[in-house]
C-alpha atoms as a PDB file:
ATOM      1  CA  MET A   1       0.000   0.000   0.000  1.00  0.00           C
ATOM      2  CA  ALA A   2       2.725   2.448   1.043  1.00  0.00           C
ATOM      3  CA  THR A   3       4.980   1.465  -1.861  1.00  0.00           C
ATOM      4  CA  THR A   4       2.253   2.086  -4.432  1.00  0.00           C
ATOM      5  CA  ASP A   5       1.134   5.382  -2.899  1.00  0.00           C
ATOM      6  CA  LEU A   6       4.645   6.873  -2.736  1.00  0.00           C
ATOM      7  CA  PRO A   7       5.261   7.086  -6.509  1.00  0.00           C
ATOM      8  CA  ALA A   8       1.780   8.549  -7.008  1.00  0.00           C
ATOM      9  CA  ALA A   9       2.428  11.208  -4.395  1.00  0.00           C
ATOM     10  CA  SER A  10       5.799  12.003  -5.946  1.00  0.00           C
ATOM     11  CA  ALA A  11       4.223  12.279  -9.383  1.00  0.00           C
ATOM     12  CA  ALA A  12       1.533  14.591  -8.023  1.00  0.00           C
ATOM     13  CA  LYS A  13       4.167  16.818  -6.469  1.00  0.00           C
ATOM     14  CA  GLY A  14       6.129  16.807  -9.722  1.00  0.00           C
ATOM     15  CA  ASN A  15       3.074  17.735 -11.740  1.00  0.00           C
ATOM     16  CA  TRP A  16       2.236  20.526  -9.291  1.00  0.00           C
ATOM     17  CA  PHE A  17       5.773  21.882  -9.549  1.00  0.00           C
ATOM     18  CA  GLU A  18       5.715  21.626 -13.340  1.00  0.00           C
ATOM     19  CA  ARG A  19       2.380  23.436 -13.540  1.00  0.00           C
ATOM     20  CA  ILE A  20       3.701  26.321 -11.467  1.00  0.00           C
ATOM     21  CA  GLY A  21       7.022  26.341 -13.282  1.00  0.00           C
ATOM     22  CA  ALA A  22      10.495  26.570 -11.798  1.00  0.00           C
ATOM     23  CA  GLY A  23      10.770  30.176 -12.976  1.00  0.00           C
ATOM     24  CA  HIS A  24       7.657  31.217 -11.051  1.00  0.00           C
ATOM     25  CA  PHE A  25       8.841  29.343  -7.972  1.00  0.00           C
ATOM     26  CA  LEU A  26      12.287  30.973  -7.970  1.00  0.00           C
ATOM     27  CA  LEU A  27      10.775  34.395  -8.629  1.00  0.00           C
ATOM     28  CA  ALA A  28       8.353  33.962  -5.728  1.00  0.00           C
ATOM     29  CA  VAL A  29      11.177  33.010  -3.378  1.00  0.00           C
ATOM     30  CA  ALA A  30      13.247  35.999  -4.514  1.00  0.00           C
ATOM     31  CA  LEU A  31      10.372  38.424  -3.996  1.00  0.00           C
ATOM     32  CA  LEU A  32       9.583  37.025  -0.565  1.00  0.00           C
ATOM     33  CA  VAL A  33      13.168  37.259   0.695  1.00  0.00           C
ATOM     34  CA  TYR A  34      13.880  40.599  -1.005  1.00  0.00           C
ATOM     35  CA  PRO A  35      13.098  42.596   2.176  1.00  0.00           C
ATOM     36  CA  ALA A  36      15.833  40.709   4.006  1.00  0.00           C
ATOM     37  CA  VAL A  37      18.508  42.308   1.809  1.00  0.00           C
ATOM     38  CA  ALA A  38      16.840  45.599   0.862  1.00  0.00           C
ATOM     39  CA  SER A  39      16.769  48.894   2.728  1.00  0.00           C
ATOM     40  CA  ASP A  40      13.545  50.773   3.396  1.00  0.00           C
ATOM     41  CA  PHE A  41      14.249  52.958   0.357  1.00  0.00           C
ATOM     42  CA  PHE A  42      14.586  49.960  -1.952  1.00  0.00           C
ATOM     43  CA  LEU A  43      11.509  48.335  -0.428  1.00  0.00           C
ATOM     44  CA  THR A  44       9.191  51.231  -1.214  1.00  0.00           C
ATOM     45  CA  GLN A  45      10.775  53.379  -3.927  1.00  0.00           C
ATOM     46  CA  ILE A  46      11.961  50.426  -6.017  1.00  0.00           C
ATOM     47  CA  GLY A  47      10.009  47.339  -4.922  1.00  0.00           C
ATOM     48  CA  GLY A  48       6.620  48.769  -4.002  1.00  0.00           C
ATOM     49  CA  TYR A  49       6.564  51.435  -6.714  1.00  0.00           C
ATOM     50  CA  SER A  50       7.568  48.943  -9.402  1.00  0.00           C
ATOM     51  CA  LEU A  51       4.734  46.634  -8.374  1.00  0.00           C
ATOM     52  CA  VAL A  52       2.210  49.487  -8.525  1.00  0.00           C
ATOM     53  CA  LEU A  53       3.347  50.627 -11.976  1.00  0.00           C
ATOM     54  CA  GLY A  54       3.541  47.003 -13.079  1.00  0.00           C
ATOM     55  CA  MET A  55      -0.125  46.526 -12.186  1.00  0.00           C
ATOM     56  CA  LEU A  56      -1.061  49.605 -14.209  1.00  0.00           C
ATOM     57  CA  ALA A  57       0.905  48.307 -17.185  1.00  0.00           C
ATOM     58  CA  LEU A  58      -0.637  44.863 -16.620  1.00  0.00           C
ATOM     59  CA  SER A  59      -4.113  46.334 -17.108  1.00  0.00           C
ATOM     60  CA  LEU A  60      -2.890  47.815 -20.403  1.00  0.00           C
ATOM     61  CA  MET A  61      -1.236  44.543 -21.409  1.00  0.00           C
ATOM     62  CA  MET A  62      -4.524  42.701 -20.821  1.00  0.00           C
ATOM     63  CA  LEU A  63      -6.377  45.041 -23.164  1.00  0.00           C
ATOM     64  CA  ALA A  64      -3.660  45.288 -25.808  1.00  0.00           C
ATOM     65  CA  GLY A  65      -2.190  41.794 -25.672  1.00  0.00           C
ATOM     66  CA  TYR A  66      -5.386  39.771 -25.371  1.00  0.00           C
ATOM     67  CA  GLY A  67      -7.931  42.188 -26.802  1.00  0.00           C
ATOM     68  CA  GLY A  68      -5.948  44.173 -29.362  1.00  0.00           C
ATOM     69  CA  MET A  69      -7.041  47.456 -27.744  1.00  0.00           C
ATOM     70  CA  VAL A  70      -4.215  49.847 -26.858  1.00  0.00           C
ATOM     71  CA  SER A  71      -5.322  52.307 -24.173  1.00  0.00           C
ATOM     72  CA  LEU A  72      -3.677  55.499 -22.984  1.00  0.00           C
ATOM     73  CA  ALA A  73      -6.293  55.988 -20.293  1.00  0.00           C
ATOM     74  CA  GLN A  74      -5.129  53.441 -17.696  1.00  0.00           C
ATOM     75  CA  ILE A  75      -3.553  56.103 -15.495  1.00  0.00           C
ATOM     76  CA  THR A  76      -6.863  57.973 -15.744  1.00  0.00           C
ATOM     77  CA  VAL A  77      -8.739  54.909 -14.492  1.00  0.00           C
ATOM     78  CA  ALA A  78      -6.260  54.573 -11.631  1.00  0.00           C
ATOM     79  CA  GLY A  79      -6.755  58.276 -10.938  1.00  0.00           C
ATOM     80  CA  VAL A  80     -10.492  57.735 -10.528  1.00  0.00           C
ATOM     81  CA  ALA A  81      -9.755  55.241  -7.753  1.00  0.00           C
ATOM     82  CA  GLY A  82      -7.127  57.518  -6.219  1.00  0.00           C
ATOM     83  CA  TYR A  83      -9.427  60.543  -6.150  1.00  0.00           C
ATOM     84  CA  ALA A  84     -12.207  58.376  -4.714  1.00  0.00           C
ATOM     85  CA  VAL A  85      -9.929  57.312  -1.843  1.00  0.00           C
ATOM     86  CA  ALA A  86      -9.031  60.954  -1.138  1.00  0.00           C
ATOM     87  CA  ILE A  87     -12.595  62.275  -1.413  1.00  0.00           C
ATOM     88  CA  PHE A  88     -14.598  59.548   0.291  1.00  0.00           C
ATOM     89  CA  GLY A  89     -11.922  58.764   2.860  1.00  0.00           C
ATOM     90  CA  GLU A  90      -9.794  61.261   4.758  1.00  0.00           C
ATOM     91  CA  ASN A  91      -7.304  63.789   3.442  1.00  0.00           C
ATOM     92  CA  GLY A  92      -5.243  66.634   4.835  1.00  0.00           C
ATOM     93  CA  ALA A  93      -6.485  69.287   2.420  1.00  0.00           C
ATOM     94  CA  ASN A  94      -9.651  70.013   4.447  1.00  0.00           C
ATOM     95  CA  VAL A  95     -11.634  69.695   1.214  1.00  0.00           C
ATOM     96  CA  LEU A  96     -14.519  67.260   1.150  1.00  0.00           C
ATOM     97  CA  GLY A  97     -13.254  64.100   2.823  1.00  0.00           C
ATOM     98  CA  PHE A  98     -16.318  62.131   3.851  1.00  0.00           C
ATOM     99  CA  GLY A  99     -14.312  60.066   6.331  1.00  0.00           C
ATOM    100  CA  TRP A 100     -15.604  56.656   5.269  1.00  0.00           C
ATOM    101  CA  PRO A 101     -13.656  53.668   6.694  1.00  0.00           C
ATOM    102  CA  TRP A 102     -11.054  52.133   4.403  1.00  0.00           C
ATOM    103  CA  TRP A 103     -12.915  48.817   4.051  1.00  0.00           C
ATOM    104  CA  ILE A 104     -15.767  50.707   2.377  1.00  0.00           C
ATOM    105  CA  VAL A 105     -13.658  53.273   0.530  1.00  0.00           C
ATOM    106  CA  VAL A 106     -11.352  50.756  -1.197  1.00  0.00           C
ATOM    107  CA  PRO A 107     -14.061  48.542  -2.780  1.00  0.00           C
ATOM    108  CA  TRP A 108     -16.044  51.670  -3.699  1.00  0.00           C
ATOM    109  CA  ALA A 109     -12.990  53.277  -5.328  1.00  0.00           C
ATOM    110  CA  VAL A 110     -12.183  50.123  -7.318  1.00  0.00           C
ATOM    111  CA  LEU A 111     -15.806  49.825  -8.410  1.00  0.00           C
ATOM    112  CA  LEU A 112     -15.860  53.435  -9.613  1.00  0.00           C
ATOM    113  CA  ALA A 113     -12.601  52.864 -11.491  1.00  0.00           C
ATOM    114  CA  SER A 114     -13.894  49.724 -13.191  1.00  0.00           C
ATOM    115  CA  ILE A 115     -17.136  51.483 -14.190  1.00  0.00           C
ATOM    116  CA  ALA A 116     -15.150  54.426 -15.563  1.00  0.00           C
ATOM    117  CA  SER A 117     -12.958  51.980 -17.475  1.00  0.00           C
ATOM    118  CA  ALA A 118     -16.024  50.249 -18.929  1.00  0.00           C
ATOM    119  CA  LEU A 119     -17.461  53.614 -20.027  1.00  0.00           C
ATOM    120  CA  ILE A 120     -14.180  54.537 -21.708  1.00  0.00           C
ATOM    121  CA  GLY A 121     -14.142  51.122 -23.343  1.00  0.00           C
ATOM    122  CA  TRP A 122     -17.750  51.485 -24.496  1.00  0.00           C
ATOM    123  CA  ILE A 123     -16.651  54.570 -26.435  1.00  0.00           C
ATOM    124  CA  ALA A 124     -13.283  53.240 -27.606  1.00  0.00           C
ATOM    125  CA  VAL A 125     -14.306  49.756 -28.828  1.00  0.00           C
ATOM    126  CA  ARG A 126     -16.227  51.274 -31.706  1.00  0.00           C
ATOM    127  CA  THR A 127     -12.885  52.086 -33.297  1.00  0.00           C
ATOM    128  CA  GLN A 128      -9.710  50.152 -34.047  1.00  0.00           C
ATOM    129  CA  GLY A 129      -5.966  50.665 -34.155  1.00  0.00           C
ATOM    130  CA  ILE A 130      -4.659  54.200 -34.026  1.00  0.00           C
ATOM    131  CA  TYR A 131      -8.176  55.566 -33.548  1.00  0.00           C
ATOM    132  CA  THR A 132      -8.542  53.679 -30.255  1.00  0.00           C
ATOM    133  CA  ILE A 133      -5.260  55.157 -29.073  1.00  0.00           C
ATOM    134  CA  MET A 134      -6.330  58.669 -30.050  1.00  0.00           C
ATOM    135  CA  ILE A 135      -9.748  58.385 -28.397  1.00  0.00           C
ATOM    136  CA  THR A 136      -8.312  57.116 -25.112  1.00  0.00           C
ATOM    137  CA  LEU A 137      -5.646  59.834 -25.243  1.00  0.00           C
ATOM    138  CA  ALA A 138      -8.345  62.453 -25.818  1.00  0.00           C
ATOM    139  CA  ILE A 139     -10.369  61.128 -22.869  1.00  0.00           C
ATOM    140  CA  ALA A 140      -7.300  61.092 -20.615  1.00  0.00           C
ATOM    141  CA  THR A 141      -6.432  64.655 -21.616  1.00  0.00           C
ATOM    142  CA  ALA A 142      -9.992  65.894 -21.092  1.00  0.00           C
ATOM    143  CA  ILE A 143     -10.195  64.359 -17.614  1.00  0.00           C
ATOM    144  CA  PHE A 144      -6.785  65.813 -16.736  1.00  0.00           C
ATOM    145  CA  TYR A 145      -7.904  69.353 -17.602  1.00  0.00           C
ATOM    146  CA  PHE A 146     -11.276  68.858 -15.943  1.00  0.00           C
ATOM    147  CA  ALA A 147      -9.620  67.781 -12.681  1.00  0.00           C
ATOM    148  CA  GLN A 148      -7.180  70.669 -12.918  1.00  0.00           C
ATOM    149  CA  GLN A 149      -9.892  73.293 -13.379  1.00  0.00           C
ATOM    150  CA  ASN A 150     -12.502  71.871 -11.006  1.00  0.00           C
ATOM    151  CA  TYR A 151     -12.113  73.085  -7.420  1.00  0.00           C
ATOM    152  CA  ALA A 152     -15.477  72.067  -6.007  1.00  0.00           C
ATOM    153  CA  ILE A 153     -14.791  68.335  -6.262  1.00  0.00           C
ATOM    154  CA  PHE A 154     -11.152  67.761  -7.259  1.00  0.00           C
ATOM    155  CA  ASN A 155      -9.611  70.807  -5.532  1.00  0.00           C
ATOM    156  CA  GLY A 156      -8.084  71.945  -8.800  1.00  0.00           C
ATOM    157  CA  PHE A 157      -4.349  72.048  -9.397  1.00  0.00           C
ATOM    158  CA  SER A 158      -3.449  71.313  -5.768  1.00  0.00           C
ATOM    159  CA  GLY A 159      -5.438  68.103  -5.536  1.00  0.00           C
ATOM    160  CA  PHE A 160      -5.482  66.291  -2.202  1.00  0.00           C
ATOM    161  CA  ALA A 161      -2.593  65.819   0.190  1.00  0.00           C
ATOM    162  CA  GLY A 162      -2.365  64.001   3.493  1.00  0.00           C
ATOM    163  CA  VAL A 163      -3.984  60.792   2.224  1.00  0.00           C
ATOM    164  CA  ARG A 164      -2.898  58.082   4.623  1.00  0.00           C
ATOM    165  CA  ALA A 165      -2.838  54.322   4.262  1.00  0.00           C
ATOM    166  CA  PRO A 166      -5.019  52.518   6.816  1.00  0.00           C
ATOM    167  CA  GLN A 167      -3.835  51.062  10.094  1.00  0.00           C
ATOM    168  CA  PHE A 168      -5.430  47.815  11.177  1.00  0.00           C
ATOM    169  CA  TRP A 169      -4.389  44.597  12.899  1.00  0.00           C
ATOM    170  CA  GLY A 170      -1.870  46.813  14.673  1.00  0.00           C
ATOM    171  CA  VAL A 171       0.025  47.402  11.407  1.00  0.00           C
ATOM    172  CA  ASP A 172       0.794  50.671   9.652  1.00  0.00           C
ATOM    173  CA  TRP A 173       0.362  49.571   6.026  1.00  0.00           C
ATOM    174  CA  ARG A 174       2.384  52.492   4.697  1.00  0.00           C
ATOM    175  CA  ALA A 175       5.450  51.415   6.657  1.00  0.00           C
ATOM    176  CA  PRO A 176       8.090  50.071   4.233  1.00  0.00           C
ATOM    177  CA  LEU A 177       7.856  46.348   4.982  1.00  0.00           C
ATOM    178  CA  PRO A 178       4.047  46.043   5.269  1.00  0.00           C
ATOM    179  CA  PHE A 179       3.524  48.258   2.208  1.00  0.00           C
ATOM    180  CA  TYR A 180       5.882  46.139   0.115  1.00  0.00           C
ATOM    181  CA  TYR A 181       4.129  42.905   1.052  1.00  0.00           C
ATOM    182  CA  LEU A 182       0.741  44.554   0.516  1.00  0.00           C
ATOM    183  CA  CYS A 183       1.767  45.591  -2.999  1.00  0.00           C
ATOM    184  CA  LEU A 184       3.285  42.176  -3.629  1.00  0.00           C
ATOM    185  CA  GLY A 185       0.183  40.316  -2.492  1.00  0.00           C
ATOM    186  CA  ILE A 186      -2.204  42.394  -4.623  1.00  0.00           C
ATOM    187  CA  ALA A 187       0.147  42.281  -7.625  1.00  0.00           C
ATOM    188  CA  VAL A 188       0.373  38.487  -7.389  1.00  0.00           C
ATOM    189  CA  LEU A 189      -3.416  38.198  -7.259  1.00  0.00           C
ATOM    190  CA  ALA A 190      -3.740  40.460 -10.306  1.00  0.00           C
ATOM    191  CA  TYR A 191      -1.009  38.565 -12.156  1.00  0.00           C
ATOM    192  CA  VAL A 192      -2.521  35.152 -11.473  1.00  0.00           C
ATOM    193  CA  ALA A 193      -6.007  36.382 -12.363  1.00  0.00           C
ATOM    194  CA  VAL A 194      -4.858  37.764 -15.721  1.00  0.00           C
ATOM    195  CA  LEU A 195      -2.628  34.772 -16.486  1.00  0.00           C
ATOM    196  CA  TYR A 196      -5.280  32.150 -15.861  1.00  0.00           C
ATOM    197  CA  GLY A 197      -8.110  34.360 -17.042  1.00  0.00           C
ATOM    198  CA  ALA A 198      -6.458  34.383 -20.444  1.00  0.00           C
ATOM    199  CA  ARG A 199      -6.908  30.598 -20.538  1.00  0.00           C
ATOM    200  CA  SER A 200     -10.551  30.731 -19.480  1.00  0.00           C
ATOM    201  CA  THR A 201     -13.472  30.614 -21.858  1.00  0.00           C
ATOM    202  CA  PHE A 202     -13.805  34.386 -21.753  1.00  0.00           C
ATOM    203  CA  GLY A 203     -10.076  34.906 -22.279  1.00  0.00           C
ATOM    204  CA  LEU A 204      -9.949  32.597 -25.277  1.00  0.00           C
ATOM    205  CA  THR A 205     -13.059  34.237 -26.707  1.00  0.00           C
ATOM    206  CA  LEU A 206     -11.505  37.682 -26.255  1.00  0.00           C
ATOM    207  CA  GLN A 207      -8.401  36.569 -28.130  1.00  0.00           C
ATOM    208  CA  ALA A 208     -10.560  35.160 -30.908  1.00  0.00           C
ATOM    209  CA  VAL A 209     -12.400  38.484 -31.079  1.00  0.00           C
ATOM    210  CA  ARG A 210      -9.036  40.213 -31.350  1.00  0.00           C
ATOM    211  CA  ASP A 211      -7.957  37.967 -34.237  1.00  0.00           C
ATOM    212  CA  ASN A 212     -11.195  37.911 -36.235  1.00  0.00           C
ATOM    213  CA  PRO A 213     -14.081  39.981 -34.856  1.00  0.00           C
ATOM    214  CA  ARG A 214     -16.153  39.575 -38.011  1.00  0.00           C
ATOM    215  CA  ARG A 215     -16.134  35.778 -37.779  1.00  0.00           C
ATOM    216  CA  MET A 216     -16.924  35.842 -34.037  1.00  0.00           C
ATOM    217  CA  ARG A 217     -19.851  38.161 -34.702  1.00  0.00           C
ATOM    218  CA  ALA A 218     -21.059  35.889 -37.483  1.00  0.00           C
ATOM    219  CA  ILE A 219     -21.189  32.832 -35.205  1.00  0.00           C
ATOM    220  CA  GLY A 220     -23.252  34.682 -32.606  1.00  0.00           C
ATOM    221  CA  TYR A 221     -20.846  36.346 -30.158  1.00  0.00           C
ATOM    222  CA  ASP A 222     -21.506  39.873 -28.944  1.00  0.00           C
ATOM    223  CA  VAL A 223     -18.137  41.365 -29.815  1.00  0.00           C
ATOM    224  CA  THR A 224     -18.832  44.763 -28.241  1.00  0.00           C
ATOM    225  CA  ALA A 225     -19.980  43.231 -24.950  1.00  0.00           C
ATOM    226  CA  HIS A 226     -16.854  41.065 -24.701  1.00  0.00           C
ATOM    227  CA  LYS A 227     -14.587  44.044 -25.320  1.00  0.00           C
ATOM    228  CA  VAL A 228     -16.397  46.292 -22.837  1.00  0.00           C
ATOM    229  CA  PHE A 229     -16.258  43.571 -20.182  1.00  0.00           C
ATOM    230  CA  ALA A 230     -12.516  43.277 -20.786  1.00  0.00           C
ATOM    231  CA  TRP A 231     -12.261  47.009 -20.077  1.00  0.00           C
ATOM    232  CA  PHE A 232     -14.235  46.480 -16.874  1.00  0.00           C
ATOM    233  CA  ILE A 233     -11.847  43.743 -15.693  1.00  0.00           C
ATOM    234  CA  ALA A 234      -8.814  45.842 -16.648  1.00  0.00           C
ATOM    235  CA  GLY A 235     -10.381  48.662 -14.648  1.00  0.00           C
ATOM    236  CA  ILE A 236     -10.356  46.508 -11.529  1.00  0.00           C
ATOM    237  CA  VAL A 237      -6.607  45.934 -11.883  1.00  0.00           C
ATOM    238  CA  ALA A 238      -5.942  49.613 -12.623  1.00  0.00           C
ATOM    239  CA  GLY A 239      -8.240  50.645  -9.751  1.00  0.00           C
ATOM    240  CA  LEU A 240      -6.328  48.527  -7.247  1.00  0.00           C
ATOM    241  CA  ALA A 241      -3.101  50.070  -8.523  1.00  0.00           C
ATOM    242  CA  GLY A 242      -4.670  53.523  -8.125  1.00  0.00           C
ATOM    243  CA  VAL A 243      -5.479  52.852  -4.470  1.00  0.00           C
ATOM    244  CA  LEU A 244      -1.920  51.717  -3.802  1.00  0.00           C
ATOM    245  CA  MET A 245      -0.562  54.673  -5.768  1.00  0.00           C
ATOM    246  CA  VAL A 246      -2.373  57.270  -3.653  1.00  0.00           C
ATOM    247  CA  TRP A 247      -1.251  55.518  -0.485  1.00  0.00           C
ATOM    248  CA  PHE A 248       2.309  55.417  -1.811  1.00  0.00           C
ATOM    249  CA  ASN A 249       2.415  59.130  -2.689  1.00  0.00           C
ATOM    250  CA  GLY A 250       0.206  60.293   0.172  1.00  0.00           C
ATOM    251  CA  ARG A 251      -1.478  62.657  -2.280  1.00  0.00           C
ATOM    252  CA  ILE A 252      -3.130  62.873  -5.681  1.00  0.00           C
ATOM    253  CA  SER A 253      -3.361  65.785  -8.089  1.00  0.00           C
ATOM    254  CA  PRO A 254      -3.959  66.356 -11.804  1.00  0.00           C
ATOM    255  CA  GLY A 255      -0.233  65.874 -12.371  1.00  0.00           C
ATOM    256  CA  THR A 256      -0.637  62.267 -11.243  1.00  0.00           C
ATOM    257  CA  ILE A 257      -2.970  61.557 -14.161  1.00  0.00           C
ATOM    258  CA  GLY A 258      -1.302  63.782 -16.764  1.00  0.00           C
ATOM    259  CA  VAL A 259      -0.576  62.862 -20.365  1.00  0.00           C
ATOM    260  CA  GLY A 260       3.080  62.208 -19.569  1.00  0.00           C
ATOM    261  CA  ALA A 261       2.115  59.645 -16.931  1.00  0.00           C
ATOM    262  CA  ALA A 262      -0.281  57.990 -19.388  1.00  0.00           C
ATOM    263  CA  ILE A 263       2.468  57.623 -21.984  1.00  0.00           C
ATOM    264  CA  ASN A 264       4.862  56.257 -19.348  1.00  0.00           C
ATOM    265  CA  ILE A 265       2.497  53.339 -18.699  1.00  0.00           C
ATOM    266  CA  LEU A 266       2.535  52.478 -22.403  1.00  0.00           C
ATOM    267  CA  ILE A 267       6.334  52.704 -22.443  1.00  0.00           C
ATOM    268  CA  ILE A 268       6.575  50.365 -19.447  1.00  0.00           C
ATOM    269  CA  ALA A 269       4.313  47.789 -21.073  1.00  0.00           C
ATOM    270  CA  VAL A 270       6.162  47.898 -24.404  1.00  0.00           C
ATOM    271  CA  ILE A 271       9.628  47.738 -22.836  1.00  0.00           C
ATOM    272  CA  GLY A 272       8.708  44.685 -20.764  1.00  0.00           C
ATOM    273  CA  GLY A 273       6.694  42.994 -23.480  1.00  0.00           C
ATOM    274  CA  MET A 274       3.005  42.346 -24.041  1.00  0.00           C
ATOM    275  CA  ARG A 275       3.188  38.637 -24.789  1.00  0.00           C
ATOM    276  CA  HIS A 276       2.942  37.568 -21.139  1.00  0.00           C
ATOM    277  CA  PRO A 277       1.642  39.180 -17.907  1.00  0.00           C
ATOM    278  CA  ILE A 278       5.141  39.180 -16.411  1.00  0.00           C
ATOM    279  CA  GLY A 279       6.313  41.640 -19.076  1.00  0.00           C
ATOM    280  CA  PRO A 280       4.722  44.777 -17.546  1.00  0.00           C
ATOM    281  CA  PHE A 281       6.414  44.114 -14.206  1.00  0.00           C
ATOM    282  CA  ILE A 282       9.795  43.683 -15.912  1.00  0.00           C
ATOM    283  CA  GLY A 283       9.279  46.953 -17.748  1.00  0.00           C
ATOM    284  CA  ALA A 284       8.242  48.673 -14.513  1.00  0.00           C
ATOM    285  CA  VAL A 285      11.432  47.602 -12.740  1.00  0.00           C
ATOM    286  CA  VAL A 286      13.575  48.855 -15.635  1.00  0.00           C
ATOM    287  CA  VAL A 287      11.840  52.242 -15.811  1.00  0.00           C
ATOM    288  CA  VAL A 288      11.790  52.754 -12.024  1.00  0.00           C
ATOM    289  CA  LEU A 289      15.496  51.961 -11.769  1.00  0.00           C
ATOM    290  CA  MET A 290      16.203  54.448 -14.549  1.00  0.00           C
ATOM    291  CA  GLN A 291      14.014  57.097 -12.923  1.00  0.00           C
ATOM    292  CA  THR A 292      15.771  56.572  -9.608  1.00  0.00           C
ATOM    293  CA  PHE A 293      19.405  56.421 -10.674  1.00  0.00           C
ATOM    294  CA  ALA A 294      19.858  57.452 -14.308  1.00  0.00           C
ATOM    295  CA  ILE A 295      18.244  60.851 -13.780  1.00  0.00           C
ATOM    296  CA  ASP A 296      21.159  61.808 -11.519  1.00  0.00           C
ATOM    297  CA  ILE A 297      23.611  60.883 -14.272  1.00  0.00           C
ATOM    298  CA  VAL A 298      22.010  62.499 -17.317  1.00  0.00           C
ATOM    299  CA  GLY A 299      20.004  65.206 -15.530  1.00  0.00           C
ATOM    300  CA  ALA A 300      16.288  65.877 -15.419  1.00  0.00           C
ATOM    301  CA  GLN A 301      16.319  67.765 -18.717  1.00  0.00           C
ATOM    302  CA  ARG A 302      17.766  64.853 -20.681  1.00  0.00           C
ATOM    303  CA  PHE A 303      16.064  62.011 -18.834  1.00  0.00           C
ATOM    304  CA  ASN A 304      13.084  61.808 -21.172  1.00  0.00           C
ATOM    305  CA  THR A 305      15.509  61.654 -24.080  1.00  0.00           C
ATOM    306  CA  LEU A 306      17.246  58.705 -22.431  1.00  0.00           C
ATOM    307  CA  ILE A 307      13.923  56.928 -21.874  1.00  0.00           C
ATOM    308  CA  GLY A 308      13.033  57.529 -25.513  1.00  0.00           C
ATOM    309  CA  LEU A 309      16.355  56.133 -26.738  1.00  0.00           C
ATOM    310  CA  VAL A 310      16.011  53.008 -24.584  1.00  0.00           C
ATOM    311  CA  PHE A 311      12.443  52.584 -25.799  1.00  0.00           C
ATOM    312  CA  LEU A 312      13.462  52.897 -29.457  1.00  0.00           C
ATOM    313  CA  ALA A 313      16.410  50.529 -29.023  1.00  0.00           C
ATOM    314  CA  ILE A 314      14.302  47.809 -27.412  1.00  0.00           C
ATOM    315  CA  VAL A 315      11.519  48.149 -29.980  1.00  0.00           C
ATOM    316  CA  PHE A 316      14.060  48.130 -32.842  1.00  0.00           C
ATOM    317  CA  PHE A 317      15.891  45.011 -31.700  1.00  0.00           C
ATOM    318  CA  SER A 318      12.857  43.260 -30.205  1.00  0.00           C
ATOM    319  CA  PRO A 319       9.286  44.407 -30.936  1.00  0.00           C
ATOM    320  CA  ASP A 320       8.187  42.032 -28.149  1.00  0.00           C
ATOM    321  CA  GLY A 321      10.251  43.909 -25.574  1.00  0.00           C
ATOM    322  CA  ILE A 322      12.598  42.347 -23.047  1.00  0.00           C
ATOM    323  CA  LEU A 323      10.562  39.141 -23.106  1.00  0.00           C
ATOM    324  CA  GLY A 324      11.237  38.876 -26.831  1.00  0.00           C
ATOM    325  CA  LEU A 325      14.958  39.278 -26.220  1.00  0.00           C
ATOM    326  CA  TRP A 326      14.787  36.533 -23.601  1.00  0.00           C
ATOM    327  CA  GLU A 327      13.054  34.205 -26.053  1.00  0.00           C
ATOM    328  CA  ARG A 328      15.929  34.757 -28.478  1.00  0.00           C
ATOM    329  CA  ILE A 329      18.583  34.112 -25.857  1.00  0.00           C
ATOM    330  CA  LYS A 330      17.043  30.945 -24.373  1.00  0.00           C
ATOM    331  CA  PRO A 331      17.878  28.625 -27.324  1.00  0.00           C
ATOM    332  CA  HIS A 332      21.536  29.704 -27.187  1.00  0.00           C
ATOM    333  CA  LEU A 333      21.663  29.065 -23.449  1.00  0.00           C
ATOM    334  CA  ALA A 334      20.099  25.658 -24.001  1.00  0.00           C
ATOM    335  CA  GLN A 335      22.740  24.738 -26.555  1.00  0.00           C
ATOM    336  CA  GLU A 336      25.456  25.602 -24.064  1.00  0.00           C
ATOM    337  CA  GLY A 337      23.855  23.478 -21.369  1.00  0.00           C
ATOM    338  CA  LEU A 338      22.622  26.485 -19.418  1.00  0.00           C
ATOM    339  CA  ARG A 339      18.910  26.072 -20.037  1.00  0.00           C
ATOM    340  CA  PRO A 340      17.024  28.234 -17.477  1.00  0.00           C
ATOM    341  CA  GLY A 341      14.272  26.707 -15.389  1.00  0.00           C
ATOM    342  CA  GLY A 342      10.611  27.363 -16.271  1.00  0.00           C
END
């Protein structure tokens, strides 16, 4: 009995490990032990911030990679959640601030963000290609100027300061270590949801709609409804990132949701690669490291030029971003007996 059960148990463990992948396992271990070797600065400014931006780029990757819809309004969707946290929760600007508890404010903010995303999608899905990009850019720009000029609700140019992360279970969730693990936990949930959602019936249908919408419409699928629902789901991911973003910065203003920030999310997604949900997080780490260290080398005036050159170089050599470069390198490593796990 024991001798027959042991191989079966070993096989089950092997299959479980193979399904997860050695790469995912090693990455999970590295992320979990990262705080042991990182300072508070690296925990929040590099680790936490990269995870937040990675989630924003992940919401874009979901729309563009699986749905063929490139959006420049993801930072706007995150801004809806961020403003909702500042307005319906507590802020230090003495403007509005309904004082709702965080466990009501956070779901409400994410819901508002996902609804806003669906509304943007409902407008944008009626176009394709460059027209979708232009419409989402126009919406993002309009909302930016509206927030900047509206003082009754959004407090105009100043926005809201003094937005604090909650404290519960005796933990200050804006402290470096708790905030990092909070960002990591939510990012992992978003990553797993997008990764396995792409293999679900809806995910496969969305990819089929991307490849041939006319045929999908002919066999009875509501193409518009599928696309709008994809925007709704992407809005949930962007909304969660928006909540973490306002807690990270402690404030939100029109500058947070400006056109430059919207373009940065697209750059992050393209640099990392849109073929797999891990790509946006890779791109986020690269851009955050450059923002943190390269700006001191080249100066603030030339930093955007540097970002543009890196972006052009990666796109020129690998349209699929860093993930595409990795796919090219893997066969050579395998030939040399250095095949990476996963």
